[in-house]
N, C-alpha and C. Protein backbone atom coordinates (compact mmCIF):
# COMPACT_ATOMS: atom_id res chain seq x y z
N ALA A 1 126.84 141.92 61.44
CA ALA A 1 128.34 141.39 62.06
C ALA A 1 127.96 140.85 63.25
N PHE A 2 128.35 139.96 63.59
CA PHE A 2 128.33 139.48 65.72
C PHE A 2 129.79 139.40 65.85
N LEU A 3 129.73 140.55 66.95
CA LEU A 3 131.51 140.62 67.87
C LEU A 3 131.30 139.64 68.68
N THR A 4 132.28 138.66 69.01
CA THR A 4 131.89 138.18 69.68
C THR A 4 132.65 138.60 71.15
N ILE A 5 132.21 138.90 72.72
CA ILE A 5 133.45 139.99 73.44
C ILE A 5 133.39 139.48 74.84
N SER A 6 134.81 138.28 75.34
CA SER A 6 134.05 137.88 76.53
C SER A 6 135.00 139.83 78.26
N PRO A 7 134.56 139.51 78.32
CA PRO A 7 134.28 140.86 79.83
C PRO A 7 135.23 140.71 80.62
N ASN A 8 135.94 139.38 80.64
CA ASN A 8 136.29 138.95 81.58
C ASN A 8 138.23 139.40 82.19
N THR A 9 138.82 140.04 80.65
CA THR A 9 140.15 141.02 81.50
C THR A 9 140.27 142.13 80.62
N ARG A 10 141.26 143.02 80.85
CA ARG A 10 141.18 144.16 81.20
C ARG A 10 140.78 144.59 79.49
N ARG A 11 141.72 144.00 78.28
CA ARG A 11 141.89 143.67 77.37
C ARG A 11 140.59 143.27 76.59
N ASP A 12 139.27 142.83 77.14
CA ASP A 12 137.78 142.28 76.76
C ASP A 12 137.37 143.52 77.17
N ARG A 13 137.09 144.05 77.73
CA ARG A 13 136.87 145.16 78.35
C ARG A 13 136.42 146.76 77.34
N LEU A 14 138.30 147.08 77.27
CA LEU A 14 138.51 147.67 76.21
C LEU A 14 138.39 147.44 75.00
N LEU A 15 137.83 146.81 74.71
CA LEU A 15 137.36 146.49 73.13
C LEU A 15 135.84 146.90 73.44
N LEU A 16 135.15 146.21 74.48
CA LEU A 16 133.65 146.17 74.90
C LEU A 16 133.24 148.09 74.60
N VAL A 17 134.01 148.70 75.48
CA VAL A 17 133.86 150.21 75.14
C VAL A 17 134.21 150.36 74.18
N CYS A 18 135.34 149.93 73.07
CA CYS A 18 136.01 150.83 71.69
C CYS A 18 134.15 150.27 70.77
N ALA A 19 133.91 149.01 70.75
CA ALA A 19 132.89 148.61 70.48
C ALA A 19 131.69 149.33 70.24
N LYS A 20 131.27 149.80 71.77
CA LYS A 20 130.07 151.08 71.57
C LYS A 20 130.47 152.31 71.51
N ARG A 21 131.10 152.32 71.45
CA ARG A 21 132.17 153.70 70.49
C ARG A 21 131.68 153.57 68.81
N TRP A 22 132.50 153.06 68.01
CA TRP A 22 131.61 152.45 66.95
C TRP A 22 130.49 152.17 66.77
N GLN A 23 129.78 152.54 67.73
CA GLN A 23 128.57 152.08 67.59
C GLN A 23 127.89 150.39 67.07
N LEU A 24 128.26 149.43 67.03
CA LEU A 24 127.78 148.86 66.86
C LEU A 24 126.71 147.91 66.73
N GLN A 25 126.45 147.73 65.73
CA GLN A 25 124.41 147.49 66.06
C GLN A 25 124.63 145.69 66.79
N THR A 26 125.01 144.89 66.24
CA THR A 26 125.10 143.45 67.22
C THR A 26 125.68 143.67 68.15
N CYS A 27 126.30 143.58 69.36
CA CYS A 27 126.98 143.27 70.29
C CYS A 27 126.74 142.01 71.08
N THR A 28 126.87 140.68 71.10
CA THR A 28 126.67 139.75 72.71
C THR A 28 127.65 139.46 73.07
N LEU A 29 127.97 138.99 74.34
CA LEU A 29 128.42 138.95 75.41
C LEU A 29 128.64 137.51 75.44
N GLN A 30 129.87 136.72 75.57
CA GLN A 30 130.17 135.38 75.70
C GLN A 30 131.04 134.90 77.26
N PRO A 31 130.66 134.58 77.30
CA PRO A 31 131.14 134.00 78.99
C PRO A 31 132.46 133.32 78.46
N ARG A 32 133.52 133.63 79.13
CA ARG A 32 134.39 132.41 78.69
C ARG A 32 134.43 130.87 79.20
N TYR A 33 134.00 130.96 80.31
CA TYR A 33 133.14 129.37 80.48
C TYR A 33 131.70 129.32 80.66
N PRO A 34 131.42 128.23 80.18
CA PRO A 34 130.40 127.92 79.85
C PRO A 34 129.13 127.74 80.93
N PRO A 35 128.06 128.70 81.05
CA PRO A 35 127.66 128.85 82.24
C PRO A 35 126.52 127.77 83.11
N ARG A 36 126.62 127.33 84.27
CA ARG A 36 126.34 126.14 84.76
C ARG A 36 125.12 125.94 84.96
N THR A 37 125.14 124.55 83.94
CA THR A 37 123.81 124.38 84.14
C THR A 37 122.63 123.43 85.44
N SER A 38 121.58 123.70 85.07
CA SER A 38 121.03 124.08 86.37
C SER A 38 120.38 122.09 86.69
N LEU A 39 119.79 121.97 87.90
CA LEU A 39 119.70 120.13 88.40
C LEU A 39 119.99 119.50 87.47
N PRO A 40 119.58 118.59 87.11
CA PRO A 40 119.32 117.34 86.39
C PRO A 40 117.20 116.90 87.21
N THR A 41 116.82 117.27 85.62
CA THR A 41 115.67 117.05 85.88
C THR A 41 114.87 115.86 85.98
N THR A 42 115.62 115.08 85.88
CA THR A 42 115.20 113.45 86.39
C THR A 42 116.06 113.24 87.67
N PRO A 43 115.37 112.34 88.30
CA PRO A 43 115.24 112.14 89.76
C PRO A 43 116.79 110.90 89.45
N ARG A 44 117.29 111.59 90.74
CA ARG A 44 119.02 109.90 90.79
C ARG A 44 118.08 109.29 91.04
N TYR A 45 119.02 107.75 91.04
CA TYR A 45 118.89 106.11 91.32
C TYR A 45 118.50 106.00 92.99
N ASP A 46 116.98 106.09 94.46
CA ASP A 46 117.65 105.95 95.12
C ASP A 46 117.00 104.46 95.20
N PRO A 47 118.02 103.31 95.92
CA PRO A 47 117.59 102.32 96.47
C PRO A 47 116.66 101.88 97.02
N ARG A 48 116.69 103.06 98.04
CA ARG A 48 115.68 103.09 99.38
C ARG A 48 113.82 103.59 98.53
N MET A 49 113.82 103.85 96.95
CA MET A 49 112.88 104.18 97.09
C MET A 49 111.79 103.07 95.94
N THR A 50 110.88 102.80 96.16
CA THR A 50 109.62 102.04 95.51
C THR A 50 110.01 101.63 93.82
N SER A 51 109.78 100.79 93.77
CA SER A 51 110.05 100.58 92.02
C SER A 51 108.47 100.23 91.62
N ALA A 52 108.40 100.03 90.51
CA ALA A 52 107.17 100.57 90.00
C ALA A 52 105.86 98.82 90.38
N GLY A 53 106.73 97.97 90.67
CA GLY A 53 106.09 97.21 91.44
C GLY A 53 105.57 96.45 92.57
N ASP A 54 106.35 97.33 93.67
CA ASP A 54 105.87 97.67 95.34
C ASP A 54 104.63 98.29 94.67
N THR A 55 104.25 97.68 96.14
CA THR A 55 103.01 98.48 96.68
C THR A 55 103.71 99.17 98.11
N VAL A 56 103.03 100.49 98.14
CA VAL A 56 102.69 101.52 99.29
C VAL A 56 101.83 100.37 100.29
N VAL A 57 101.94 100.74 101.57
CA VAL A 57 101.24 100.55 102.84
C VAL A 57 100.88 102.54 103.18
N VAL A 58 99.66 102.17 103.28
CA VAL A 58 99.22 103.36 103.52
C VAL A 58 98.20 103.28 104.75
N PRO A 59 99.42 104.56 106.27
CA PRO A 59 98.93 104.09 107.20
C PRO A 59 97.36 103.82 107.25
N ARG A 60 97.32 103.01 108.70
CA ARG A 60 95.04 103.03 108.73
C ARG A 60 94.25 104.50 109.14
N ASN A 61 95.14 104.93 109.89
CA ASN A 61 94.39 106.45 109.86
C ASN A 61 93.85 106.93 108.94
N PHE A 62 95.30 107.14 107.46
CA PHE A 62 95.16 107.97 105.96
C PHE A 62 93.77 107.31 105.64
N ARG A 63 94.05 105.42 105.67
CA ARG A 63 93.14 105.08 105.09
C ARG A 63 91.47 105.25 105.61
N LEU A 64 91.46 105.24 106.74
CA LEU A 64 89.64 105.63 107.08
C LEU A 64 89.27 106.69 106.77
N LEU A 65 90.36 108.27 107.07
CA LEU A 65 90.46 109.66 106.23
C LEU A 65 89.16 109.14 105.47
N GLU A 66 90.07 108.57 103.91
CA GLU A 66 90.00 108.86 102.85
C GLU A 66 88.30 107.97 103.03
N GLU A 67 88.13 107.04 103.86
CA GLU A 67 86.64 105.72 103.72
C GLU A 67 86.43 107.16 104.29
N LEU A 68 85.88 108.01 105.95
CA LEU A 68 85.52 108.67 105.77
C LEU A 68 84.35 109.28 105.23
N GLU A 69 85.57 110.17 104.33
CA GLU A 69 85.18 111.48 102.89
C GLU A 69 84.15 110.79 102.48
N LYS A 70 84.49 108.99 101.73
CA LYS A 70 83.99 108.82 100.65
C LYS A 70 82.59 108.14 101.18
N GLY A 71 82.24 107.57 102.49
CA GLY A 71 81.37 106.97 102.99
C GLY A 71 80.19 108.59 103.13
N GLU A 72 80.77 109.70 103.93
CA GLU A 72 79.63 110.70 104.74
C GLU A 72 79.06 111.54 103.03
N LYS A 73 79.65 111.44 101.64
CA LYS A 73 79.21 111.88 100.17
C LYS A 73 79.05 110.12 99.84
N ALA A 74 78.18 109.58 100.24
CA ALA A 74 78.10 108.21 99.49
C ALA A 74 78.41 108.54 97.71
N LEU A 75 79.91 108.10 97.29
CA LEU A 75 80.59 108.79 96.62
C LEU A 75 80.54 107.59 95.54
N GLY A 76 80.43 106.40 95.99
CA GLY A 76 80.54 105.26 95.22
C GLY A 76 79.22 103.99 95.18
N SER A 77 78.57 104.92 95.75
CA SER A 77 77.74 103.21 95.83
C SER A 77 76.01 103.85 95.05
N LEU A 78 76.19 104.97 94.81
CA LEU A 78 75.47 105.56 93.80
C LEU A 78 73.46 106.04 95.17
N GLY A 79 73.85 106.18 96.09
CA GLY A 79 72.96 106.65 97.01
C GLY A 79 72.26 105.64 97.95
N TYR A 80 72.92 104.12 97.23
CA TYR A 80 71.66 103.12 98.26
C TYR A 80 72.64 102.68 100.08
N LEU A 81 74.10 103.41 99.74
CA LEU A 81 74.85 103.35 101.31
C LEU A 81 75.25 104.36 102.12
N SER A 82 75.18 104.79 103.33
CA SER A 82 75.78 105.54 103.20
C SER A 82 76.85 104.80 105.08
N TYR A 83 77.84 105.55 105.22
CA TYR A 83 78.57 105.25 106.66
C TYR A 83 79.52 106.41 107.06
N GLY A 84 79.50 106.49 108.15
CA GLY A 84 80.12 107.67 108.91
C GLY A 84 81.15 106.99 109.94
N LEU A 85 81.20 107.82 110.68
CA LEU A 85 82.44 107.45 112.36
C LEU A 85 80.64 107.66 113.59
N ALA A 86 80.49 107.10 114.54
CA ALA A 86 79.39 107.00 115.52
C ALA A 86 79.68 108.58 116.06
N ASP A 87 81.14 108.69 116.63
CA ASP A 87 81.26 109.75 117.21
C ASP A 87 82.86 110.56 117.32
N LEU A 88 82.56 111.66 116.22
CA LEU A 88 83.59 112.45 115.32
C LEU A 88 84.83 112.95 116.61
N GLU A 89 83.99 113.38 117.49
CA GLU A 89 84.58 113.92 118.28
C GLU A 89 85.70 113.26 119.85
N GLU A 90 85.09 111.98 119.97
CA GLU A 90 85.57 111.35 121.01
C GLU A 90 86.50 109.87 120.39
N ASP A 91 86.18 109.60 119.40
CA ASP A 91 86.44 108.20 118.62
C ASP A 91 88.09 108.65 117.62
N VAL A 92 89.14 109.22 118.42
CA VAL A 92 89.94 109.42 118.02
C VAL A 92 91.31 108.20 116.96
N MET A 93 90.68 107.12 117.76
CA MET A 93 91.12 105.87 116.90
C MET A 93 90.45 105.18 115.64
N MET A 94 89.37 106.04 115.44
CA MET A 94 88.14 105.59 114.33
C MET A 94 87.64 104.09 114.03
N ILE A 95 86.89 103.78 115.69
CA ILE A 95 86.74 102.48 115.79
C ILE A 95 85.44 102.09 115.43
N ASN A 96 84.09 103.12 116.22
CA ASN A 96 83.13 102.51 116.04
C ASN A 96 82.35 103.16 114.84
N TRP A 97 81.36 103.04 113.77
CA TRP A 97 81.01 103.95 112.73
C TRP A 97 79.88 103.15 112.71
N ASN A 98 78.76 104.22 112.16
CA ASN A 98 77.56 103.64 111.60
C ASN A 98 77.63 103.41 109.97
N GLY A 99 76.45 102.93 109.78
CA GLY A 99 76.02 102.81 108.35
C GLY A 99 74.54 102.71 107.92
N THR A 100 74.01 102.93 106.75
CA THR A 100 73.10 103.15 106.85
C THR A 100 72.80 101.78 104.94
N ILE A 101 72.01 101.30 105.41
CA ILE A 101 71.49 100.70 103.47
C ILE A 101 69.77 101.00 103.41
N ILE A 102 69.96 101.13 102.27
CA ILE A 102 68.85 101.20 101.50
C ILE A 102 68.42 100.34 100.55
N GLY A 103 66.99 99.67 101.29
CA GLY A 103 66.64 98.89 100.61
C GLY A 103 66.64 98.70 98.88
N PRO A 104 67.11 97.70 98.63
CA PRO A 104 66.94 98.03 96.72
C PRO A 104 65.65 97.42 96.43
N ASN A 105 64.70 98.09 95.25
CA ASN A 105 63.96 98.44 94.59
C ASN A 105 63.50 96.59 94.38
N ASN A 106 62.12 95.76 94.51
CA ASN A 106 61.38 95.17 93.78
C ASN A 106 62.23 94.06 94.39
N SER A 107 62.32 94.31 95.65
CA SER A 107 62.66 92.88 97.32
C SER A 107 62.04 93.26 98.19
N PRO A 108 61.59 92.54 99.10
CA PRO A 108 61.06 92.69 100.44
C PRO A 108 62.10 93.50 101.13
N PHE A 109 62.44 94.10 100.60
CA PHE A 109 63.57 95.20 101.66
C PHE A 109 63.36 97.08 100.94
N GLU A 110 62.45 96.75 100.26
CA GLU A 110 61.92 97.79 99.12
C GLU A 110 61.56 99.35 100.14
N GLY A 111 62.14 99.86 100.48
CA GLY A 111 60.87 101.18 101.12
C GLY A 111 61.91 101.33 102.60
N ARG A 112 63.33 100.05 102.66
CA ARG A 112 63.34 100.08 104.07
C ARG A 112 64.56 100.62 104.47
N ILE A 113 65.11 101.73 105.72
CA ILE A 113 66.31 102.15 106.17
C ILE A 113 66.92 100.67 107.15
N TYR A 114 67.92 100.21 106.40
CA TYR A 114 67.90 99.66 108.08
C TYR A 114 69.85 100.26 108.35
N SER A 115 69.81 99.98 109.35
CA SER A 115 71.27 100.70 110.02
C SER A 115 71.55 99.38 111.12
N LEU A 116 73.38 100.00 110.99
CA LEU A 116 74.48 99.15 111.10
C LEU A 116 75.22 99.58 112.26
N GLN A 117 76.03 98.96 112.63
CA GLN A 117 76.77 99.23 113.60
C GLN A 117 78.28 98.89 112.90
N ILE A 118 79.35 99.23 112.65
CA ILE A 118 80.52 99.00 112.51
C ILE A 118 81.10 98.97 113.21
N LYS A 119 82.00 98.01 113.27
CA LYS A 119 83.81 98.33 113.89
C LYS A 119 84.79 97.69 113.43
N CYS A 120 85.96 98.92 113.23
CA CYS A 120 86.94 98.82 111.86
C CYS A 120 88.36 98.16 113.82
N GLY A 121 88.43 97.54 113.51
CA GLY A 121 89.65 97.00 115.19
C GLY A 121 91.01 97.67 114.64
N GLU A 122 91.65 97.77 115.51
CA GLU A 122 92.82 98.43 115.55
C GLU A 122 93.51 98.02 114.82
N SER A 123 93.28 96.46 114.02
CA SER A 123 94.10 95.65 112.65
C SER A 123 93.43 95.82 111.39
N TYR A 124 92.30 96.76 111.75
CA TYR A 124 91.71 97.14 110.23
C TYR A 124 92.83 97.88 109.30
N PRO A 125 92.91 97.98 108.08
CA PRO A 125 92.66 97.77 107.30
C PRO A 125 93.39 95.98 107.20
N ASP A 126 93.68 95.52 107.89
CA ASP A 126 94.27 94.18 108.01
C ASP A 126 93.52 93.19 107.83
N SER A 127 92.36 93.26 108.66
CA SER A 127 91.95 92.46 108.98
C SER A 127 90.35 93.61 109.08
N ALA A 128 89.11 92.49 108.24
CA ALA A 128 87.82 92.69 108.03
C ALA A 128 86.65 93.30 109.22
N PRO A 129 86.23 94.75 109.17
CA PRO A 129 85.37 95.27 110.09
C PRO A 129 84.63 94.44 110.55
N THR A 130 83.88 94.43 112.06
CA THR A 130 82.33 93.21 111.77
C THR A 130 81.66 94.69 111.44
N LEU A 131 80.19 93.79 111.07
CA LEU A 131 79.13 94.40 110.80
C LEU A 131 78.18 93.98 111.70
N ARG A 132 76.99 94.72 112.15
CA ARG A 132 76.13 94.22 113.55
C ARG A 132 74.64 94.68 112.80
N PHE A 133 73.40 94.73 112.50
CA PHE A 133 72.52 95.38 112.05
C PHE A 133 71.66 95.86 113.38
N ARG A 134 71.51 96.70 113.66
CA ARG A 134 70.78 97.40 114.74
C ARG A 134 69.28 97.23 114.22
N THR A 135 68.84 97.38 113.24
CA THR A 135 67.23 97.68 112.61
C THR A 135 66.66 95.87 112.53
N ARG A 136 65.92 95.54 111.93
CA ARG A 136 65.62 94.02 112.33
C ARG A 136 65.55 93.44 111.47
N VAL A 137 66.24 92.63 110.85
CA VAL A 137 66.35 91.95 109.27
C VAL A 137 66.20 90.21 109.20
N ALA A 138 65.93 89.93 107.82
CA ALA A 138 66.25 88.58 108.18
C ALA A 138 66.73 88.39 106.56
N LEU A 139 68.30 87.79 107.17
CA LEU A 139 68.87 87.43 105.80
C LEU A 139 69.54 86.06 106.16
N PRO A 140 70.37 85.09 105.21
CA PRO A 140 70.97 83.79 105.66
C PRO A 140 71.99 84.73 106.01
N CYS A 141 73.19 85.96 106.00
CA CYS A 141 74.00 86.33 106.66
C CYS A 141 73.81 86.85 107.86
N VAL A 142 73.08 87.41 108.89
CA VAL A 142 72.99 87.98 109.58
C VAL A 142 72.33 86.88 110.66
N THR A 143 72.72 87.06 111.97
CA THR A 143 72.82 85.84 112.92
C THR A 143 71.32 86.63 114.44
N ASP A 144 71.09 86.04 114.69
CA ASP A 144 69.64 86.18 116.31
C ASP A 144 69.78 87.48 116.94
N THR A 145 70.86 87.68 116.83
CA THR A 145 72.01 88.58 117.80
C THR A 145 71.92 90.02 116.92
N GLY A 146 72.08 89.90 115.46
CA GLY A 146 71.84 90.94 113.98
C GLY A 146 73.43 91.00 113.48
N ALA A 147 74.35 90.08 114.07
CA ALA A 147 75.76 90.28 113.40
C ALA A 147 75.35 89.57 112.25
N VAL A 148 76.01 90.35 111.71
CA VAL A 148 76.56 89.62 109.90
C VAL A 148 77.68 89.08 110.06
N ASP A 149 77.12 87.71 109.52
CA ASP A 149 78.88 86.29 109.55
C ASP A 149 79.58 86.23 108.43
N ALA A 150 80.60 87.38 109.38
CA ALA A 150 81.44 86.20 108.36
C ALA A 150 82.14 85.37 107.23
N ARG A 151 81.66 84.49 107.77
CA ARG A 151 81.77 83.11 106.65
C ARG A 151 80.82 83.49 105.43
N ALA A 152 79.52 83.64 106.00
CA ALA A 152 78.16 83.79 105.00
C ALA A 152 78.61 84.60 103.63
N LEU A 153 79.92 86.27 103.78
CA LEU A 153 79.89 86.87 102.96
C LEU A 153 81.71 86.75 102.13
N PRO A 154 81.50 86.31 100.89
CA PRO A 154 82.73 85.97 100.25
C PRO A 154 83.71 87.57 100.56
N VAL A 155 83.52 88.61 100.29
CA VAL A 155 84.08 89.60 101.08
C VAL A 155 85.20 89.59 102.02
N MET A 156 84.46 88.97 102.86
CA MET A 156 83.85 89.68 104.66
C MET A 156 84.95 87.69 104.75
N SER A 157 84.77 86.84 104.30
CA SER A 157 85.73 85.45 104.72
C SER A 157 86.91 85.58 103.85
N ASN A 158 86.93 86.28 102.58
CA ASN A 158 88.58 86.03 102.05
C ASN A 158 88.83 87.52 102.30
N TRP A 159 89.20 88.64 102.95
CA TRP A 159 89.64 89.78 103.31
C TRP A 159 91.06 89.56 102.80
N ARG A 160 91.25 91.15 102.08
CA ARG A 160 92.48 91.68 101.32
C ARG A 160 92.23 93.47 102.01
N ARG A 161 93.33 93.71 102.26
CA ARG A 161 93.99 94.56 102.82
C ARG A 161 93.08 95.64 101.79
N GLN A 162 92.82 95.54 100.62
CA GLN A 162 92.57 96.99 99.54
C GLN A 162 90.84 96.61 99.74
N ASN A 163 90.46 95.90 100.52
CA ASN A 163 88.85 96.00 100.98
C ASN A 163 88.96 97.24 101.89
N THR A 164 87.28 97.10 101.62
CA THR A 164 86.86 98.52 102.25
C THR A 164 85.34 98.78 102.90
N ILE A 165 85.16 98.99 103.62
CA ILE A 165 83.57 99.28 104.33
C ILE A 165 82.95 98.99 103.43
N GLU A 166 82.97 100.03 102.49
CA GLU A 166 82.00 99.87 101.46
C GLU A 166 82.13 98.75 100.81
N ASP A 167 82.51 98.07 100.27
CA ASP A 167 82.83 96.90 100.01
C ASP A 167 82.05 95.29 101.20
N CYS A 168 82.14 95.83 102.06
CA CYS A 168 81.63 95.01 102.98
C CYS A 168 79.82 95.41 103.28
N LEU A 169 79.60 96.35 102.84
CA LEU A 169 77.57 97.07 103.02
C LEU A 169 77.55 96.52 101.16
N ASN A 170 78.31 96.42 100.33
CA ASN A 170 77.78 96.72 98.98
C ASN A 170 77.66 94.78 98.98
N ALA A 171 78.02 93.97 100.05
CA ALA A 171 77.91 92.14 99.96
C ALA A 171 76.78 92.24 100.56
N VAL A 172 76.71 93.14 101.81
CA VAL A 172 75.01 92.43 102.39
C VAL A 172 73.79 93.21 101.07
N TYR A 173 74.12 94.13 100.17
CA TYR A 173 73.19 94.73 99.63
C TYR A 173 73.03 93.73 98.56
N MET A 174 74.15 93.55 98.15
CA MET A 174 74.12 91.39 97.37
C MET A 174 72.82 90.91 97.68
N MET A 175 73.44 90.75 98.74
CA MET A 175 72.60 89.21 99.89
C MET A 175 71.42 89.58 99.63
N MET A 176 71.06 91.18 99.67
CA MET A 176 69.11 91.65 99.82
C MET A 176 68.76 91.26 98.75
N GLN A 177 69.50 91.25 97.54
CA GLN A 177 68.95 91.49 96.26
C GLN A 177 69.26 89.69 95.78
N HIS A 178 69.65 88.94 96.28
CA HIS A 178 69.72 87.76 96.30
C HIS A 178 68.68 86.90 95.71
N PRO A 179 67.96 85.93 95.24
CA PRO A 179 66.63 85.47 94.70
C PRO A 179 66.43 84.29 96.59
N SER A 180 67.48 84.06 96.64
CA SER A 180 67.38 83.22 98.02
C SER A 180 66.44 83.95 99.72
N SER A 181 67.12 85.82 99.57
CA SER A 181 66.73 86.50 100.77
C SER A 181 65.60 86.64 99.84
N ARG A 182 65.09 86.76 98.90
CA ARG A 182 63.65 87.34 98.47
C ARG A 182 62.70 86.47 99.24
N ARG A 183 62.45 85.08 99.44
CA ARG A 183 61.65 84.21 100.35
C ARG A 183 61.79 84.36 102.12
N LEU A 184 62.20 84.90 102.16
CA LEU A 184 62.89 84.69 103.70
C LEU A 184 61.75 85.84 104.18
N GLN A 185 60.83 85.75 105.27
CA GLN A 185 60.01 86.91 105.64
C GLN A 185 60.27 87.60 106.92
N GLN A 186 60.46 88.86 106.74
CA GLN A 186 60.93 89.98 106.59
C GLN A 186 60.19 90.55 108.07
N PRO A 187 60.92 90.71 109.05
CA PRO A 187 59.92 91.60 110.21
C PRO A 187 59.16 93.15 110.12
N PRO A 188 58.28 92.83 110.57
CA PRO A 188 57.38 94.26 110.78
C PRO A 188 58.16 95.47 110.60
N GLU A 189 58.64 96.48 110.04
CA GLU A 189 58.97 98.13 110.04
C GLU A 189 58.93 98.58 111.74
N THR A 190 57.96 97.92 112.69
CA THR A 190 57.67 98.52 113.68
C THR A 190 58.23 97.65 114.60
N ALA A 191 59.06 96.45 114.45
CA ALA A 191 59.40 95.29 115.42
C ALA A 191 61.31 96.95 116.16
N PRO A 192 60.52 96.28 117.06
CA PRO A 192 62.02 96.60 118.34
C PRO A 192 63.45 96.37 117.28
N GLU A 193 64.35 97.39 118.12
CA GLU A 193 65.58 97.10 116.81
C GLU A 193 66.41 96.22 117.84
N TYR A 194 67.58 95.33 117.18
CA TYR A 194 68.41 94.31 117.88
C TYR A 194 69.12 95.00 119.51
N PRO A 195 68.82 94.38 120.51
CA PRO A 195 69.76 94.81 122.00
C PRO A 195 71.03 95.28 121.18
N MET A 196 71.11 96.10 121.99
CA MET A 196 73.14 96.71 121.82
C MET A 196 73.70 95.25 122.80
């Protein structure tokens, strides 16, 4: 038998003492008022919060830090691309970067390592970075000074905020694999770098 006692009044406390004296096997205490409920588990609606269709704009430096981690570890490129900051200590705005592309197999670029300078201006990622080869190379998208012509690469000419430095380097890599690039005479490996 269950005895429900609420020890809120003097009478209830006496009943509890009596119940203990009679050594009832089951004695449960029920509060007179329901217990406080915990806070609701579902968040309240706040009109300032974004909805499912909205996009969140990641600040420039956070975005570049993500790219730095990914580029230095060569996570997404299967090892043929890498990139990182040129000067980790002095370049607090993360503008000057270095990039490396390993030439694709079965092409005139095979076995060569190409170095690039990458500049992410203060408007990055809203505008594309600029790429410039340091290693001499013959490609349709590279000028005589080593600069990569953004108009020749669709990823750079149709730049979107979601694009990354890796996308630009991948576009150059794909240009190296393109059949039109295979016919181009490449400078010798001993050729001097482009002037700064």
